[in-house]
N, C-alpha and C. Protein backbone atom coordinates (compact mmCIF):
# COMPACT_ATOMS: atom_id res chain seq x y z
N MET A 1 -36.86 25.02 6.45
CA MET A 1 -38.05 24.88 6.91
C MET A 1 -38.35 23.46 6.93
N ASP A 2 -37.72 23.13 5.99
CA ASP A 2 -38.00 21.69 5.54
C ASP A 2 -37.04 20.64 6.60
N ALA A 3 -36.14 21.09 7.33
CA ALA A 3 -35.44 20.33 8.58
C ALA A 3 -36.13 20.47 9.55
N VAL A 4 -37.07 21.41 9.81
CA VAL A 4 -37.94 21.75 10.86
C VAL A 4 -39.14 20.46 10.94
N ASP A 5 -39.41 20.70 9.43
CA ASP A 5 -40.97 19.87 9.35
C ASP A 5 -40.21 18.28 9.58
N ALA A 6 -39.11 17.77 9.04
CA ALA A 6 -38.48 16.64 8.87
C ALA A 6 -38.57 16.29 10.44
N ILE A 7 -38.21 17.21 11.16
CA ILE A 7 -38.23 16.88 12.57
C ILE A 7 -38.79 16.23 13.36
N GLY A 8 -40.08 17.52 12.92
CA GLY A 8 -41.29 17.76 13.56
C GLY A 8 -41.98 16.35 13.15
N ALA A 9 -42.22 15.92 12.01
CA ALA A 9 -42.88 14.70 11.35
C ALA A 9 -42.45 13.42 11.89
N ALA A 10 -41.06 13.06 12.22
CA ALA A 10 -40.47 11.88 13.21
C ALA A 10 -40.85 12.18 14.65
N LEU A 11 -40.82 13.15 14.99
CA LEU A 11 -41.33 13.28 16.42
C LEU A 11 -42.76 13.13 16.60
N LEU A 12 -43.51 13.28 15.39
CA LEU A 12 -44.92 12.69 15.72
C LEU A 12 -45.22 11.43 15.33
N LYS A 13 -44.35 10.91 14.69
CA LYS A 13 -44.40 9.45 14.27
C LYS A 13 -44.18 8.54 15.57
N LEU A 14 -43.13 8.88 16.12
CA LEU A 14 -42.78 8.38 17.29
C LEU A 14 -43.53 8.40 18.65
N LYS A 15 -44.09 9.87 18.61
CA LYS A 15 -45.14 9.93 19.91
C LYS A 15 -46.36 9.16 19.48
N SER A 16 -46.81 8.64 18.00
CA SER A 16 -47.70 7.99 17.62
C SER A 16 -47.65 6.56 18.48
N GLN A 17 -46.36 6.25 17.98
CA GLN A 17 -45.96 4.82 18.64
C GLN A 17 -45.73 4.54 20.13
N GLU A 18 -45.91 5.59 20.72
CA GLU A 18 -45.41 6.14 22.29
C GLU A 18 -44.24 5.81 22.47
N LEU A 19 -43.33 6.24 21.61
CA LEU A 19 -41.81 5.98 21.54
C LEU A 19 -40.90 7.73 21.80
N SER A 20 -41.75 8.39 22.20
CA SER A 20 -41.01 9.68 22.38
C SER A 20 -39.64 9.95 23.00
N PRO A 21 -38.58 10.40 22.13
CA PRO A 21 -37.23 10.34 22.81
C PRO A 21 -37.31 11.11 23.86
N VAL A 22 -36.50 11.10 24.87
CA VAL A 22 -36.24 11.79 25.78
C VAL A 22 -34.95 12.72 25.93
N ALA A 23 -34.87 13.92 26.15
CA ALA A 23 -33.88 14.89 25.91
C ALA A 23 -33.05 14.52 27.19
N THR A 24 -31.56 14.36 27.52
CA THR A 24 -30.75 14.22 28.47
C THR A 24 -29.69 15.37 28.28
N PRO A 25 -28.86 16.10 29.46
CA PRO A 25 -28.37 16.71 29.26
C PRO A 25 -26.97 15.79 29.07
N MET A 26 -26.11 16.10 28.15
CA MET A 26 -24.72 15.82 27.50
C MET A 26 -23.65 16.57 27.43
N LEU A 27 -22.40 16.52 27.66
CA LEU A 27 -21.16 16.97 27.25
C LEU A 27 -20.77 16.58 25.94
N CYS A 28 -20.21 16.95 25.06
CA CYS A 28 -19.77 16.80 23.73
C CYS A 28 -18.14 16.24 23.94
N ASP A 29 -17.79 16.97 25.04
CA ASP A 29 -16.06 16.54 25.39
C ASP A 29 -15.85 15.39 26.20
N ALA A 30 -17.27 15.10 26.68
CA ALA A 30 -17.06 13.78 27.41
C ALA A 30 -17.48 12.64 26.81
N HIS A 31 -17.50 12.87 25.27
CA HIS A 31 -18.27 11.52 24.69
C HIS A 31 -19.44 10.94 25.41
N ASP A 32 -20.58 12.02 25.46
CA ASP A 32 -21.66 11.40 26.21
C ASP A 32 -22.53 11.16 24.83
N THR A 33 -23.31 9.45 25.17
CA THR A 33 -23.83 9.56 24.23
C THR A 33 -25.61 9.42 24.41
N TRP A 34 -26.60 9.99 23.53
CA TRP A 34 -28.09 10.40 23.53
C TRP A 34 -28.18 9.02 23.09
N PHE A 35 -28.92 8.36 23.88
CA PHE A 35 -29.29 6.98 24.08
C PHE A 35 -30.98 6.79 23.04
N ASP A 36 -31.58 7.76 22.64
CA ASP A 36 -32.53 7.84 21.92
C ASP A 36 -32.10 8.45 20.39
N GLY A 37 -30.88 8.77 20.32
CA GLY A 37 -30.55 9.36 19.20
C GLY A 37 -30.65 8.19 17.83
N GLU A 38 -30.46 7.17 18.08
CA GLU A 38 -30.42 6.10 17.09
C GLU A 38 -31.93 6.04 16.57
N MET A 39 -32.55 5.97 17.38
CA MET A 39 -34.39 5.92 17.26
C MET A 39 -34.61 7.10 16.36
N MET A 40 -34.37 8.31 16.89
CA MET A 40 -34.51 9.42 16.25
C MET A 40 -34.09 9.59 15.12
N ASN A 41 -32.98 9.17 14.43
CA ASN A 41 -32.28 9.39 13.53
C ASN A 41 -32.90 8.53 12.39
N GLY A 42 -33.14 7.46 13.07
CA GLY A 42 -34.42 6.36 12.06
C GLY A 42 -35.48 6.50 11.75
N ALA A 43 -36.10 7.82 12.42
CA ALA A 43 -37.28 8.09 12.51
C ALA A 43 -37.46 9.56 11.48
N ILE A 44 -36.33 9.91 11.48
CA ILE A 44 -35.84 10.95 10.52
C ILE A 44 -35.84 10.20 9.01
N ARG A 45 -35.12 9.73 9.06
CA ARG A 45 -34.71 9.18 7.69
C ARG A 45 -35.62 8.57 6.69
N ASN A 46 -36.93 7.89 7.76
CA ASN A 46 -38.28 7.45 7.15
C ASN A 46 -39.23 8.53 7.16
N VAL A 47 -39.20 9.73 7.17
CA VAL A 47 -39.96 10.77 6.99
C VAL A 47 -40.15 11.08 5.34
N SER A 48 -41.37 11.08 4.96
CA SER A 48 -41.65 11.52 3.59
C SER A 48 -42.93 12.44 3.73
N LEU A 49 -42.74 13.64 3.26
CA LEU A 49 -43.63 14.53 3.34
C LEU A 49 -43.68 15.28 1.93
N ASP A 50 -44.99 15.08 1.46
CA ASP A 50 -45.32 15.69 -0.15
C ASP A 50 -45.42 17.22 -0.42
N SER A 51 -45.41 18.08 0.85
CA SER A 51 -45.38 19.52 0.59
C SER A 51 -44.47 20.12 1.33
N GLY A 52 -43.14 19.80 1.11
CA GLY A 52 -42.24 20.28 1.79
C GLY A 52 -41.93 21.92 1.26
N SER A 53 -40.97 22.66 1.90
CA SER A 53 -41.02 24.24 1.20
C SER A 53 -40.12 23.74 -0.01
N THR A 54 -39.26 22.63 -0.41
CA THR A 54 -38.75 22.52 -1.69
C THR A 54 -39.09 21.35 -2.42
N GLY A 55 -40.52 21.39 -1.95
CA GLY A 55 -41.33 20.01 -2.77
C GLY A 55 -41.12 18.66 -1.86
N LYS A 56 -41.11 17.61 -2.46
CA LYS A 56 -41.36 15.96 -1.82
C LYS A 56 -40.09 16.04 -0.94
N LEU A 57 -40.53 15.76 0.20
CA LEU A 57 -39.32 15.24 1.07
C LEU A 57 -39.07 14.31 1.89
N MET A 58 -37.86 13.40 1.34
CA MET A 58 -37.66 12.16 1.63
C MET A 58 -36.38 11.79 1.45
N PHE A 59 -35.58 10.94 2.12
CA PHE A 59 -34.19 10.57 2.38
C PHE A 59 -34.02 9.25 2.22
N THR A 60 -32.53 8.83 1.67
CA THR A 60 -31.83 7.45 1.30
C THR A 60 -31.79 6.71 2.79
N ALA A 61 -31.38 5.63 2.53
CA ALA A 61 -31.08 4.76 3.79
C ALA A 61 -29.61 5.47 4.40
N ASN A 62 -29.10 5.96 3.58
CA ASN A 62 -27.92 6.95 4.27
C ASN A 62 -27.95 8.26 4.79
N GLY A 63 -29.56 8.41 4.94
CA GLY A 63 -29.78 9.82 5.25
C GLY A 63 -29.85 11.20 4.45
N GLN A 64 -29.39 10.87 3.13
CA GLN A 64 -29.27 12.08 2.19
C GLN A 64 -30.70 12.14 1.76
N ARG A 65 -30.83 13.48 1.35
CA ARG A 65 -32.22 13.56 0.36
C ARG A 65 -32.00 12.45 -0.59
N SER A 66 -33.68 12.57 -0.73
CA SER A 66 -33.99 11.86 -2.15
C SER A 66 -34.93 12.45 -3.12
N ASP A 67 -35.05 12.01 -4.33
CA ASP A 67 -35.68 12.78 -5.36
C ASP A 67 -35.81 14.35 -4.81
N LEU A 68 -34.73 14.97 -4.90
CA LEU A 68 -34.88 16.69 -4.70
C LEU A 68 -34.91 17.28 -5.97
N PHE A 69 -36.23 18.19 -5.57
CA PHE A 69 -36.87 19.18 -6.44
C PHE A 69 -36.44 20.59 -5.69
N ILE A 70 -35.63 21.34 -6.30
CA ILE A 70 -35.95 22.56 -5.57
C ILE A 70 -36.29 23.76 -6.59
N ASP A 71 -37.06 24.84 -6.46
CA ASP A 71 -37.71 25.73 -7.57
C ASP A 71 -36.76 27.09 -6.83
N GLY A 72 -36.19 27.60 -8.23
CA GLY A 72 -35.41 28.98 -7.92
C GLY A 72 -36.78 30.16 -7.77
N MET A 73 -36.62 30.97 -6.66
CA MET A 73 -37.70 32.17 -6.59
C MET A 73 -37.15 33.28 -6.84
N GLY A 74 -37.89 34.48 -7.55
CA GLY A 74 -37.41 35.54 -7.76
C GLY A 74 -38.35 36.38 -7.70
N ARG A 75 -38.00 37.67 -7.89
CA ARG A 75 -39.02 38.71 -7.59
C ARG A 75 -39.06 39.81 -9.15
N ILE A 76 -40.01 39.63 -9.60
CA ILE A 76 -40.24 40.11 -10.87
C ILE A 76 -41.73 41.11 -10.85
N ASN A 77 -41.28 42.41 -11.06
CA ASN A 77 -42.24 43.23 -11.24
C ASN A 77 -42.87 43.23 -10.04
N GLY A 78 -42.32 42.93 -8.67
CA GLY A 78 -42.90 43.12 -7.21
C GLY A 78 -43.81 41.77 -6.95
N GLU A 79 -43.45 40.75 -7.77
CA GLU A 79 -44.24 39.50 -7.84
C GLU A 79 -43.17 38.33 -7.35
N ILE A 80 -43.70 37.41 -6.68
CA ILE A 80 -42.59 35.99 -6.45
C ILE A 80 -42.77 35.39 -7.44
N VAL A 81 -42.31 34.80 -8.29
CA VAL A 81 -42.14 33.88 -9.40
C VAL A 81 -41.27 32.74 -9.76
N LYS A 82 -41.69 31.73 -9.75
CA LYS A 82 -40.59 30.67 -10.39
C LYS A 82 -39.72 30.95 -11.07
N VAL A 83 -38.34 31.06 -11.02
CA VAL A 83 -37.31 31.62 -12.02
C VAL A 83 -36.47 30.07 -12.75
N SER A 84 -36.54 29.16 -12.15
CA SER A 84 -35.63 28.16 -12.43
C SER A 84 -35.97 26.97 -11.50
N ALA A 85 -35.46 25.59 -12.10
CA ALA A 85 -35.72 24.69 -11.25
C ALA A 85 -34.56 23.63 -11.19
N LEU A 86 -34.34 23.04 -10.00
CA LEU A 86 -33.04 21.94 -9.82
C LEU A 86 -33.73 20.72 -9.79
N VAL A 87 -33.52 19.49 -10.39
CA VAL A 87 -33.99 17.91 -10.23
C VAL A 87 -32.69 17.38 -9.96
N LYS A 88 -33.06 16.58 -8.69
CA LYS A 88 -31.79 15.41 -8.33
C LYS A 88 -32.48 14.44 -8.02
N ARG A 89 -32.39 13.23 -8.77
CA ARG A 89 -33.10 12.08 -8.80
C ARG A 89 -32.55 10.64 -8.23
N THR A 90 -31.24 11.02 -7.84
CA THR A 90 -30.56 10.18 -7.58
C THR A 90 -29.90 9.76 -6.07
N ASP A 91 -29.42 8.70 -5.85
CA ASP A 91 -29.34 8.72 -4.17
C ASP A 91 -27.55 9.13 -3.73
N ALA A 92 -27.31 9.77 -4.83
CA ALA A 92 -25.64 10.36 -4.71
C ALA A 92 -25.76 11.13 -3.51
N ILE A 93 -24.64 11.51 -3.09
CA ILE A 93 -24.50 12.39 -1.97
C ILE A 93 -24.82 14.08 -2.60
N LEU A 94 -25.43 14.75 -1.94
CA LEU A 94 -25.79 16.20 -2.43
C LEU A 94 -24.56 17.11 -1.69
């Protein structure tokens, strides 16, 4: 879900700046280049969402998740509860 949210937020930001990327047909084997890909990549890296599925969603300049918080969820007595947490606050590759 966070990936979809990040792409959606990036597209909305670009649209608000009247910079909507254009989808074009491409063939990987032909080494085609999506000319708006660099713009889209930059927009995704600039996304910052406070309410992602795994917590705050933001990226480093290299495109890696930054300040990653993941809650482990489980079912206990029929209820979904938090059972663990992972916190990663570095710019290291995840």
